[in-house]
PDB file of N, CA and C in Angstrom:
ATOM      1  N   UNK A   1     109.367 116.678  86.527  1.00  0.00           N
ATOM      2  CA  UNK A   1     109.851 116.482  85.183  1.00  0.00           C
ATOM      3  C   UNK A   1     110.360 117.785  84.589  1.00  0.00           C
ATOM      4  N   UNK A   2     109.741 118.902  84.977  1.00  0.00           N
ATOM      5  CA  UNK A   2     110.150 120.196  84.433  1.00  0.00           C
ATOM      6  C   UNK A   2     111.532 120.611  84.915  1.00  0.00           C
ATOM      7  N   UNK A   3     112.013 119.977  85.978  1.00  0.00           N
ATOM      8  CA  UNK A   3     113.331 120.304  86.506  1.00  0.00           C
ATOM      9  C   UNK A   3     114.457 119.624  85.734  1.00  0.00           C
ATOM     10  N   UNK A   4     114.117 118.755  84.800  1.00  0.00           N
ATOM     11  CA  UNK A   4     115.104 117.995  84.057  1.00  0.00           C
ATOM     12  C   UNK A   4     114.900 118.217  82.567  1.00  0.00           C
ATOM     13  N   UNK A   5     115.706 119.076  81.941  1.00  0.00           N
ATOM     14  CA  UNK A   5     115.522 119.371  80.523  1.00  0.00           C
ATOM     15  C   UNK A   5     115.628 118.128  79.633  1.00  0.00           C
ATOM     16  N   UNK A   6     116.452 117.177  80.012  1.00  0.00           N
ATOM     17  CA  UNK A   6     116.601 115.935  79.260  1.00  0.00           C
ATOM     18  C   UNK A   6     115.995 114.779  80.049  1.00  0.00           C
ATOM     19  N   UNK A   7     114.740 114.945  80.464  1.00  0.00           N
ATOM     20  CA  UNK A   7     114.087 113.965  81.334  1.00  0.00           C
ATOM     21  C   UNK A   7     114.117 112.554  80.758  1.00  0.00           C
ATOM     22  N   UNK A   8     114.052 112.447  79.440  1.00  0.00           N
ATOM     23  CA  UNK A   8     114.048 111.125  78.818  1.00  0.00           C
ATOM     24  C   UNK A   8     115.373 110.390  79.041  1.00  0.00           C
ATOM     25  N   UNK A   9     116.431 111.115  79.458  1.00  0.00           N
ATOM     26  CA  UNK A   9     117.734 110.511  79.738  1.00  0.00           C
ATOM     27  C   UNK A   9     117.960 110.257  81.229  1.00  0.00           C
ATOM     28  N   UNK A  10     117.139 110.863  82.068  1.00  0.00           N
ATOM     29  CA  UNK A  10     117.371 110.814  83.512  1.00  0.00           C
ATOM     30  C   UNK A  10     116.727 109.550  84.096  1.00  0.00           C
ATOM     31  N   UNK A  11     117.516 108.685  84.746  1.00  0.00           N
ATOM     32  CA  UNK A  11     116.968 107.417  85.243  1.00  0.00           C
ATOM     33  C   UNK A  11     115.792 107.590  86.206  1.00  0.00           C
ATOM     34  N   UNK A  12     115.820 108.615  87.018  1.00  0.00           N
ATOM     35  CA  UNK A  12     114.718 108.841  87.949  1.00  0.00           C
ATOM     36  C   UNK A  12     113.434 109.170  87.193  1.00  0.00           C
ATOM     37  N   UNK A  13     113.521 110.060  86.226  1.00  0.00           N
ATOM     38  CA  UNK A  13     112.346 110.436  85.426  1.00  0.00           C
ATOM     39  C   UNK A  13     111.814 109.248  84.633  1.00  0.00           C
ATOM     40  N   UNK A  14     112.716 108.500  84.038  1.00  0.00           N
ATOM     41  CA  UNK A  14     112.297 107.354  83.237  1.00  0.00           C
ATOM     42  C   UNK A  14     111.601 106.318  84.116  1.00  0.00           C
ATOM     43  N   UNK A  15     112.148 106.059  85.291  1.00  0.00           N
ATOM     44  CA  UNK A  15     111.535 105.054  86.161  1.00  0.00           C
ATOM     45  C   UNK A  15     110.149 105.482  86.624  1.00  0.00           C
ATOM     46  N   UNK A  16     109.955 106.760  86.906  1.00  0.00           N
ATOM     47  CA  UNK A  16     108.628 107.235  87.305  1.00  0.00           C
ATOM     48  C   UNK A  16     107.649 107.141  86.133  1.00  0.00           C
ATOM     49  N   UNK A  17     108.101 107.421  84.925  1.00  0.00           N
ATOM     50  CA  UNK A  17     107.224 107.321  83.759  1.00  0.00           C
ATOM     51  C   UNK A  17     106.814 105.869  83.500  1.00  0.00           C
ATOM     52  N   UNK A  18     107.707 104.960  83.720  1.00  0.00           N
ATOM     53  CA  UNK A  18     107.399 103.543  83.542  1.00  0.00           C
ATOM     54  C   UNK A  18     106.417 103.081  84.615  1.00  0.00           C
ATOM     55  N   UNK A  19     106.578 103.604  85.814  1.00  0.00           N
ATOM     56  CA  UNK A  19     105.749 103.184  86.947  1.00  0.00           C
ATOM     57  C   UNK A  19     104.274 103.497  86.723  1.00  0.00           C
ATOM     58  N   UNK A  20     103.950 104.699  86.226  1.00  0.00           N
ATOM     59  CA  UNK A  20     102.558 105.096  86.048  1.00  0.00           C
ATOM     60  C   UNK A  20     102.486 106.278  85.098  1.00  0.00           C
ATOM     61  N   UNK A  21     101.300 106.521  84.580  1.00  0.00           N
ATOM     62  CA  UNK A  21     101.086 107.645  83.673  1.00  0.00           C
ATOM     63  C   UNK A  21     101.263 108.959  84.425  1.00  0.00           C
ATOM     64  N   UNK A  22     101.986 109.885  83.845  1.00  0.00           N
ATOM     65  CA  UNK A  22     102.235 111.193  84.453  1.00  0.00           C
ATOM     66  C   UNK A  22     101.086 112.125  84.125  1.00  0.00           C
ATOM     67  N   UNK A  23     100.801 113.140  84.904  1.00  0.00           N
ATOM     68  CA  UNK A  23     101.380 113.406  86.228  1.00  0.00           C
ATOM     69  C   UNK A  23     100.628 112.622  87.307  1.00  0.00           C
ATOM     70  N   UNK A  24     101.308 112.367  88.395  1.00  0.00           N
ATOM     71  CA  UNK A  24     100.674 111.694  89.522  1.00  0.00           C
ATOM     72  C   UNK A  24     101.468 111.994  90.779  1.00  0.00           C
ATOM     73  N   UNK A  25     100.844 111.767  91.891  1.00  0.00           N
ATOM     74  CA  UNK A  25     101.528 111.880  93.178  1.00  0.00           C
ATOM     75  C   UNK A  25     101.827 110.470  93.652  1.00  0.00           C
ATOM     76  N   UNK A  26     103.056 110.198  93.843  1.00  0.00           N
ATOM     77  CA  UNK A  26     103.482 108.870  94.281  1.00  0.00           C
ATOM     78  C   UNK A  26     104.145 108.983  95.643  1.00  0.00           C
ATOM     79  N   UNK A  27     103.932 107.993  96.493  1.00  0.00           N
ATOM     80  CA  UNK A  27     104.640 107.962  97.761  1.00  0.00           C
ATOM     81  C   UNK A  27     106.136 107.895  97.476  1.00  0.00           C
ATOM     82  N   UNK A  28     106.912 108.472  98.367  1.00  0.00           N
ATOM     83  CA  UNK A  28     108.350 108.580  98.105  1.00  0.00           C
ATOM     84  C   UNK A  28     109.170 107.819  99.142  1.00  0.00           C
ATOM     85  N   UNK A  29     108.791 106.579  99.394  1.00  0.00           N
ATOM     86  CA  UNK A  29     109.536 105.812 100.382  1.00  0.00           C
ATOM     87  C   UNK A  29     110.999 105.677 100.004  1.00  0.00           C
ATOM     88  N   UNK A  30     111.284 105.457  98.741  1.00  0.00           N
ATOM     89  CA  UNK A  30     112.668 105.310  98.320  1.00  0.00           C
ATOM     90  C   UNK A  30     113.447 106.598  98.546  1.00  0.00           C
ATOM     91  N   UNK A  31     112.831 107.733  98.231  1.00  0.00           N
ATOM     92  CA  UNK A  31     113.527 109.011  98.403  1.00  0.00           C
ATOM     93  C   UNK A  31     113.647 109.405  99.873  1.00  0.00           C
ATOM     94  N   UNK A  32     112.677 109.022 100.693  1.00  0.00           N
ATOM     95  CA  UNK A  32     112.797 109.346 102.119  1.00  0.00           C
ATOM     96  C   UNK A  32     113.952 108.573 102.743  1.00  0.00           C
ATOM     97  N   UNK A  33     114.149 107.344 102.324  1.00  0.00           N
ATOM     98  CA  UNK A  33     115.277 106.591 102.874  1.00  0.00           C
ATOM     99  C   UNK A  33     116.607 107.178 102.419  1.00  0.00           C
ATOM    100  N   UNK A  34     116.636 107.708 101.205  1.00  0.00           N
ATOM    101  CA  UNK A  34     117.871 108.329 100.714  1.00  0.00           C
ATOM    102  C   UNK A  34     118.176 109.600 101.492  1.00  0.00           C
ATOM    103  N   UNK A  35     117.184 110.465 101.707  1.00  0.00           N
ATOM    104  CA  UNK A  35     117.443 111.720 102.438  1.00  0.00           C
ATOM    105  C   UNK A  35     117.870 111.415 103.881  1.00  0.00           C
ATOM    106  N   UNK A  36     117.307 110.362 104.457  1.00  0.00           N
ATOM    107  CA  UNK A  36     117.722 109.962 105.809  1.00  0.00           C
ATOM    108  C   UNK A  36     119.163 109.481 105.808  1.00  0.00           C
ATOM    109  N   UNK A  37     119.544 108.744 104.775  1.00  0.00           N
ATOM    110  CA  UNK A  37     120.902 108.205 104.703  1.00  0.00           C
ATOM    111  C   UNK A  37     121.948 109.299 104.488  1.00  0.00           C
ATOM    112  N   UNK A  38     121.620 110.332 103.690  1.00  0.00           N
ATOM    113  CA  UNK A  38     122.633 111.342 103.379  1.00  0.00           C
ATOM    114  C   UNK A  38     122.602 112.551 104.300  1.00  0.00           C
ATOM    115  N   UNK A  39     121.484 112.793 104.990  1.00  0.00           N
ATOM    116  CA  UNK A  39     121.390 113.934 105.908  1.00  0.00           C
ATOM    117  C   UNK A  39     120.740 113.536 107.237  1.00  0.00           C
ATOM    118  N   UNK A  40     121.255 112.503 107.913  1.00  0.00           N
ATOM    119  CA  UNK A  40     120.607 112.064 109.155  1.00  0.00           C
ATOM    120  C   UNK A  40     120.634 113.126 110.256  1.00  0.00           C
ATOM    121  N   UNK A  41     121.627 113.990 110.209  1.00  0.00           N
ATOM    122  CA  UNK A  41     121.766 115.026 111.241  1.00  0.00           C
ATOM    123  C   UNK A  41     120.691 116.111 111.144  1.00  0.00           C
ATOM    124  N   UNK A  42     119.949 116.151 110.046  1.00  0.00           N
ATOM    125  CA  UNK A  42     118.906 117.171 109.864  1.00  0.00           C
ATOM    126  C   UNK A  42     117.614 116.813 110.594  1.00  0.00           C
ATOM    127  N   UNK A  43     117.545 115.609 111.128  1.00  0.00           N
ATOM    128  CA  UNK A  43     116.381 115.167 111.913  1.00  0.00           C
ATOM    129  C   UNK A  43     115.062 115.339 111.179  1.00  0.00           C
ATOM    130  N   UNK A  44     115.008 114.900 109.923  1.00  0.00           N
ATOM    131  CA  UNK A  44     113.750 114.911 109.188  1.00  0.00           C
ATOM    132  C   UNK A  44     112.800 113.850 109.753  1.00  0.00           C
ATOM    133  N   UNK A  45     113.378 112.760 110.265  1.00  0.00           N
ATOM    134  CA  UNK A  45     112.594 111.625 110.723  1.00  0.00           C
ATOM    135  C   UNK A  45     113.045 111.162 112.097  1.00  0.00           C
ATOM    136  N   UNK A  46     112.139 110.454 112.751  1.00  0.00           N
ATOM    137  CA  UNK A  46     112.471 109.663 113.935  1.00  0.00           C
ATOM    138  C   UNK A  46     112.486 108.215 113.469  1.00  0.00           C
ATOM    139  N   UNK A  47     113.194 107.376 114.193  1.00  0.00           N
ATOM    140  CA  UNK A  47     113.185 105.950 113.891  1.00  0.00           C
ATOM    141  C   UNK A  47     112.213 105.248 114.833  1.00  0.00           C
ATOM    142  N   UNK A  48     111.511 104.269 114.313  1.00  0.00           N
ATOM    143  CA  UNK A  48     110.589 103.477 115.128  1.00  0.00           C
ATOM    144  C   UNK A  48     111.387 102.653 116.132  1.00  0.00           C
ATOM    145  N   UNK A  49     110.663 101.983 117.004  1.00  0.00           N
ATOM    146  CA  UNK A  49     111.310 101.008 117.865  1.00  0.00           C
ATOM    147  C   UNK A  49     111.864  99.896 116.985  1.00  0.00           C
ATOM    148  N   UNK A  50     112.733  99.078 117.539  1.00  0.00           N
ATOM    149  CA  UNK A  50     113.292  97.957 116.782  1.00  0.00           C
ATOM    150  C   UNK A  50     112.239  96.871 116.623  1.00  0.00           C
ATOM    151  N   UNK A  51     112.375  96.122 115.554  1.00  0.00           N
ATOM    152  CA  UNK A  51     111.450  95.029 115.298  1.00  0.00           C
ATOM    153  C   UNK A  51     111.857  94.266 114.064  1.00  0.00           C
ATOM    154  N   UNK A  52     110.901  93.512 113.542  1.00  0.00           N
ATOM    155  CA  UNK A  52     111.126  92.717 112.343  1.00  0.00           C
ATOM    156  C   UNK A  52     110.052  93.053 111.331  1.00  0.00           C
ATOM    157  N   UNK A  53     110.474  93.329 110.115  1.00  0.00           N
ATOM    158  CA  UNK A  53     109.547  93.599 109.019  1.00  0.00           C
ATOM    159  C   UNK A  53     109.485  92.359 108.140  1.00  0.00           C
ATOM    160  N   UNK A  54     108.264  91.901 107.897  1.00  0.00           N
ATOM    161  CA  UNK A  54     108.050  90.766 107.003  1.00  0.00           C
ATOM    162  C   UNK A  54     107.045  91.185 105.935  1.00  0.00           C
ATOM    163  N   UNK A  55     106.992  90.436 104.864  1.00  0.00           N
ATOM    164  CA  UNK A  55     106.069  90.700 103.765  1.00  0.00           C
ATOM    165  C   UNK A  55     105.063  89.555 103.716  1.00  0.00           C
ATOM    166  N   UNK A  56     103.757  89.898 103.707  1.00  0.00           N
ATOM    167  CA  UNK A  56     102.735  88.856 103.650  1.00  0.00           C
ATOM    168  C   UNK A  56     102.482  88.422 102.202  1.00  0.00           C
ATOM    169  N   UNK A  57     101.596  87.477 102.018  1.00  0.00           N
ATOM    170  CA  UNK A  57     101.356  86.908 100.692  1.00  0.00           C
ATOM    171  C   UNK A  57     100.743  87.907  99.713  1.00  0.00           C
ATOM    172  N   UNK A  58     100.125  88.985 100.236  1.00  0.00           N
ATOM    173  CA  UNK A  58      99.552  90.028  99.372  1.00  0.00           C
ATOM    174  C   UNK A  58     100.565  91.121  99.050  1.00  0.00           C
ATOM    175  N   UNK A  59     101.786  90.999  99.590  1.00  0.00           N
ATOM    176  CA  UNK A  59     102.822  91.990  99.318  1.00  0.00           C
ATOM    177  C   UNK A  59     102.840  93.158 100.279  1.00  0.00           C
ATOM    178  N   UNK A  60     102.090  93.073 101.368  1.00  0.00           N
ATOM    179  CA  UNK A  60     102.083  94.143 102.370  1.00  0.00           C
ATOM    180  C   UNK A  60     103.183  93.908 103.400  1.00  0.00           C
ATOM    181  N   UNK A  61     103.808  94.982 103.841  1.00  0.00           N
ATOM    182  CA  UNK A  61     104.826  94.844 104.877  1.00  0.00           C
ATOM    183  C   UNK A  61     104.164  94.875 106.250  1.00  0.00           C
ATOM    184  N   UNK A  62     104.662  94.028 107.129  1.00  0.00           N
ATOM    185  CA  UNK A  62     104.160  93.926 108.500  1.00  0.00           C
ATOM    186  C   UNK A  62     105.311  94.167 109.453  1.00  0.00           C
ATOM    187  N   UNK A  63     105.069  94.955 110.483  1.00  0.00           N
ATOM    188  CA  UNK A  63     106.109  95.261 111.463  1.00  0.00           C
ATOM    189  C   UNK A  63     105.716  94.666 112.799  1.00  0.00           C
ATOM    190  N   UNK A  64     106.618  93.898 113.378  1.00  0.00           N
ATOM    191  CA  UNK A  64     106.423  93.331 114.705  1.00  0.00           C
ATOM    192  C   UNK A  64     107.541  93.843 115.599  1.00  0.00           C
ATOM    193  N   UNK A  65     107.180  94.646 116.593  1.00  0.00           N
ATOM    194  CA  UNK A  65     108.169  95.206 117.514  1.00  0.00           C
ATOM    195  C   UNK A  65     108.856  94.093 118.291  1.00  0.00           C
ATOM    196  N   UNK A  66     110.168  94.241 118.455  1.00  0.00           N
ATOM    197  CA  UNK A  66     110.955  93.256 119.192  1.00  0.00           C
ATOM    198  C   UNK A  66     112.294  93.880 119.549  1.00  0.00           C
ATOM    199  N   UNK A  67     112.694  93.767 120.789  1.00  0.00           N
ATOM    200  CA  UNK A  67     113.998  94.297 121.209  1.00  0.00           C
ATOM    201  C   UNK A  67     115.142  93.655 120.426  1.00  0.00           C
ATOM    202  N   UNK A  68     114.950  92.439 119.953  1.00  0.00           N
ATOM    203  CA  UNK A  68     115.977  91.717 119.205  1.00  0.00           C
ATOM    204  C   UNK A  68     115.879  91.963 117.708  1.00  0.00           C
ATOM    205  N   UNK A  69     114.874  92.727 117.270  1.00  0.00           N
ATOM    206  CA  UNK A  69     114.688  92.995 115.848  1.00  0.00           C
ATOM    207  C   UNK A  69     115.800  93.853 115.272  1.00  0.00           C
ATOM    208  N   UNK A  70     116.023  93.693 113.983  1.00  0.00           N
ATOM    209  CA  UNK A  70     117.076  94.451 113.302  1.00  0.00           C
ATOM    210  C   UNK A  70     116.508  95.498 112.350  1.00  0.00           C
ATOM    211  N   UNK A  71     115.192  95.687 112.348  1.00  0.00           N
ATOM    212  CA  UNK A  71     114.561  96.627 111.424  1.00  0.00           C
ATOM    213  C   UNK A  71     113.944  97.794 112.178  1.00  0.00           C
ATOM    214  N   UNK A  72     113.881  98.922 111.508  1.00  0.00           N
ATOM    215  CA  UNK A  72     113.179 100.103 111.994  1.00  0.00           C
ATOM    216  C   UNK A  72     112.580 100.795 110.780  1.00  0.00           C
ATOM    217  N   UNK A  73     111.593 101.626 110.991  1.00  0.00           N
ATOM    218  CA  UNK A  73     111.030 102.405 109.900  1.00  0.00           C
ATOM    219  C   UNK A  73     111.072 103.881 110.261  1.00  0.00           C
ATOM    220  N   UNK A  74     110.986 104.722 109.242  1.00  0.00           N
ATOM    221  CA  UNK A  74     111.058 106.165 109.424  1.00  0.00           C
ATOM    222  C   UNK A  74     109.689 106.730 109.768  1.00  0.00           C
ATOM    223  N   UNK A  75     109.674 107.712 110.680  1.00  0.00           N
ATOM    224  CA  UNK A  75     108.447 108.415 111.040  1.00  0.00           C
ATOM    225  C   UNK A  75     108.729 109.904 110.941  1.00  0.00           C
ATOM    226  N   UNK A  76     107.821 110.653 110.337  1.00  0.00           N
ATOM    227  CA  UNK A  76     108.004 112.096 110.204  1.00  0.00           C
ATOM    228  C   UNK A  76     107.898 112.730 111.588  1.00  0.00           C
ATOM    229  N   UNK A  77     108.728 113.711 111.849  1.00  0.00           N
ATOM    230  CA  UNK A  77     108.744 114.380 113.140  1.00  0.00           C
ATOM    231  C   UNK A  77     107.821 115.592 113.118  1.00  0.00           C
ATOM    232  N   UNK A  78     106.548 115.395 113.272  1.00  0.00           N
ATOM    233  CA  UNK A  78     105.603 116.503 113.316  1.00  0.00           C
ATOM    234  C   UNK A  78     105.181 116.943 111.931  1.00  0.00           C
ATOM    235  N   UNK A  79     103.923 117.311 111.818  1.00  0.00           N
ATOM    236  CA  UNK A  79     103.374 117.709 110.516  1.00  0.00           C
ATOM    237  C   UNK A  79     104.068 118.940 109.955  1.00  0.00           C
ATOM    238  N   UNK A  80     104.621 119.785 110.809  1.00  0.00           N
ATOM    239  CA  UNK A  80     105.312 120.985 110.322  1.00  0.00           C
ATOM    240  C   UNK A  80     106.577 120.636 109.546  1.00  0.00           C
ATOM    241  N   UNK A  81     107.088 119.431 109.721  1.00  0.00           N
ATOM    242  CA  UNK A  81     108.312 119.023 109.024  1.00  0.00           C
ATOM    243  C   UNK A  81     108.053 118.373 107.676  1.00  0.00           C
ATOM    244  N   UNK A  82     106.795 118.155 107.330  1.00  0.00           N
ATOM    245  CA  UNK A  82     106.507 117.511 106.050  1.00  0.00           C
ATOM    246  C   UNK A  82     107.030 118.352 104.894  1.00  0.00           C
ATOM    247  N   UNK A  83     106.709 119.642 104.859  1.00  0.00           N
ATOM    248  CA  UNK A  83     107.171 120.500 103.762  1.00  0.00           C
ATOM    249  C   UNK A  83     108.682 120.659 103.787  1.00  0.00           C
ATOM    250  N   UNK A  84     109.274 120.783 104.962  1.00  0.00           N
ATOM    251  CA  UNK A  84     110.732 120.913 105.082  1.00  0.00           C
ATOM    252  C   UNK A  84     111.417 119.667 104.515  1.00  0.00           C
ATOM    253  N   UNK A  85     110.861 118.507 104.800  1.00  0.00           N
ATOM    254  CA  UNK A  85     111.423 117.254 104.304  1.00  0.00           C
ATOM    255  C   UNK A  85     111.227 117.136 102.799  1.00  0.00           C
ATOM    256  N   UNK A  86     110.048 117.482 102.320  1.00  0.00           N
ATOM    257  CA  UNK A  86     109.789 117.460 100.878  1.00  0.00           C
ATOM    258  C   UNK A  86     110.735 118.404 100.140  1.00  0.00           C
ATOM    259  N   UNK A  87     110.940 119.604 100.679  1.00  0.00           N
ATOM    260  CA  UNK A  87     111.869 120.556 100.061  1.00  0.00           C
ATOM    261  C   UNK A  87     113.281 119.984  99.994  1.00  0.00           C
ATOM    262  N   UNK A  88     113.686 119.281 101.049  1.00  0.00           N
ATOM    263  CA  UNK A  88     115.030 118.693 101.072  1.00  0.00           C
ATOM    264  C   UNK A  88     115.166 117.603 100.011  1.00  0.00           C
ATOM    265  N   UNK A  89     114.124 116.798  99.857  1.00  0.00           N
ATOM    266  CA  UNK A  89     114.159 115.746  98.838  1.00  0.00           C
ATOM    267  C   UNK A  89     114.236 116.359  97.447  1.00  0.00           C
ATOM    268  N   UNK A  90     113.415 117.372  97.183  1.00  0.00           N
ATOM    269  CA  UNK A  90     113.440 118.039  95.880  1.00  0.00           C
ATOM    270  C   UNK A  90     114.809 118.667  95.638  1.00  0.00           C
ATOM    271  N   UNK A  91     115.380 119.280  96.663  1.00  0.00           N
ATOM    272  CA  UNK A  91     116.708 119.899  96.530  1.00  0.00           C
ATOM    273  C   UNK A  91     117.754 118.854  96.153  1.00  0.00           C
ATOM    274  N   UNK A  92     117.702 117.700  96.795  1.00  0.00           N
ATOM    275  CA  UNK A  92     118.686 116.658  96.498  1.00  0.00           C
ATOM    276  C   UNK A  92     118.501 116.085  95.093  1.00  0.00           C
ATOM    277  N   UNK A  93     117.260 115.906  94.676  1.00  0.00           N
ATOM    278  CA  UNK A  93     116.995 115.311  93.366  1.00  0.00           C
ATOM    279  C   UNK A  93     117.294 116.281  92.230  1.00  0.00           C
ATOM    280  N   UNK A  94     116.906 117.550  92.407  1.00  0.00           N
ATOM    281  CA  UNK A  94     117.043 118.517  91.313  1.00  0.00           C
ATOM    282  C   UNK A  94     118.331 119.322  91.358  1.00  0.00           C
ATOM    283  N   UNK A  95     118.959 119.386  92.528  1.00  0.00           N
ATOM    284  CA  UNK A  95     120.155 120.207  92.688  1.00  0.00           C
ATOM    285  C   UNK A  95     119.852 121.665  92.932  1.00  0.00           C
ATOM    286  N   UNK A  96     118.566 121.998  93.091  1.00  0.00           N
ATOM    287  CA  UNK A  96     118.178 123.401  93.359  1.00  0.00           C
ATOM    288  C   UNK A  96     118.291 123.684  94.842  1.00  0.00           C
ATOM    289  N   UNK A  97     118.710 124.886  95.156  1.00  0.00           N
ATOM    290  CA  UNK A  97     118.762 125.321  96.546  1.00  0.00           C
ATOM    291  C   UNK A  97     117.355 125.487  97.073  1.00  0.00           C
ATOM    292  N   UNK A  98     117.175 125.350  98.389  1.00  0.00           N
ATOM    293  CA  UNK A  98     115.852 125.443  98.999  1.00  0.00           C
ATOM    294  C   UNK A  98     115.132 126.720  98.651  1.00  0.00           C
ATOM    295  N   UNK A  99     115.833 127.848  98.621  1.00  0.00           N
ATOM    296  CA  UNK A  99     115.167 129.130  98.358  1.00  0.00           C
ATOM    297  C   UNK A  99     114.581 129.204  96.944  1.00  0.00           C
ATOM    298  N   UNK A 100     115.060 128.339  96.029  1.00  0.00           N
ATOM    299  CA  UNK A 100     114.584 128.378  94.651  1.00  0.00           C
ATOM    300  C   UNK A 100     113.508 127.331  94.351  1.00  0.00           C
ATOM    301  N   UNK A 101     113.266 126.414  95.238  1.00  0.00           N
ATOM    302  CA  UNK A 101     112.374 125.292  94.968  1.00  0.00           C
ATOM    303  C   UNK A 101     110.981 125.751  94.627  1.00  0.00           C
ATOM    304  N   UNK A 102     110.435 126.697  95.355  1.00  0.00           N
ATOM    305  CA  UNK A 102     109.045 127.113  95.156  1.00  0.00           C
ATOM    306  C   UNK A 102     108.913 128.301  94.233  1.00  0.00           C
ATOM    307  N   UNK A 103     109.963 128.664  93.544  1.00  0.00           N
ATOM    308  CA  UNK A 103     109.895 129.815  92.631  1.00  0.00           C
ATOM    309  C   UNK A 103     109.566 129.387  91.230  1.00  0.00           C
TER     310      UNK A 103
END
């Protein structure tokens, strides 16, 4: 939120505020899919085997591997890449260069 001087106008900030009381740590599945879509060559993630993802009655996603499946999910490539991937997501969302993210 501190990266956005007009956070009350920013759709990302507003949606996070609506989702839960700030501050909090939220999983970033939506942002991980975006970073994969815009920078796939950076190899932040590996793709799972092919399969089918379904949603059960409790709202949980279930993955069933299948050669004929059209779905895959993202997997982080080693624990050392977690911070590198997080930095990339923050850079894309805030517009800050990587060298400035932790300053």
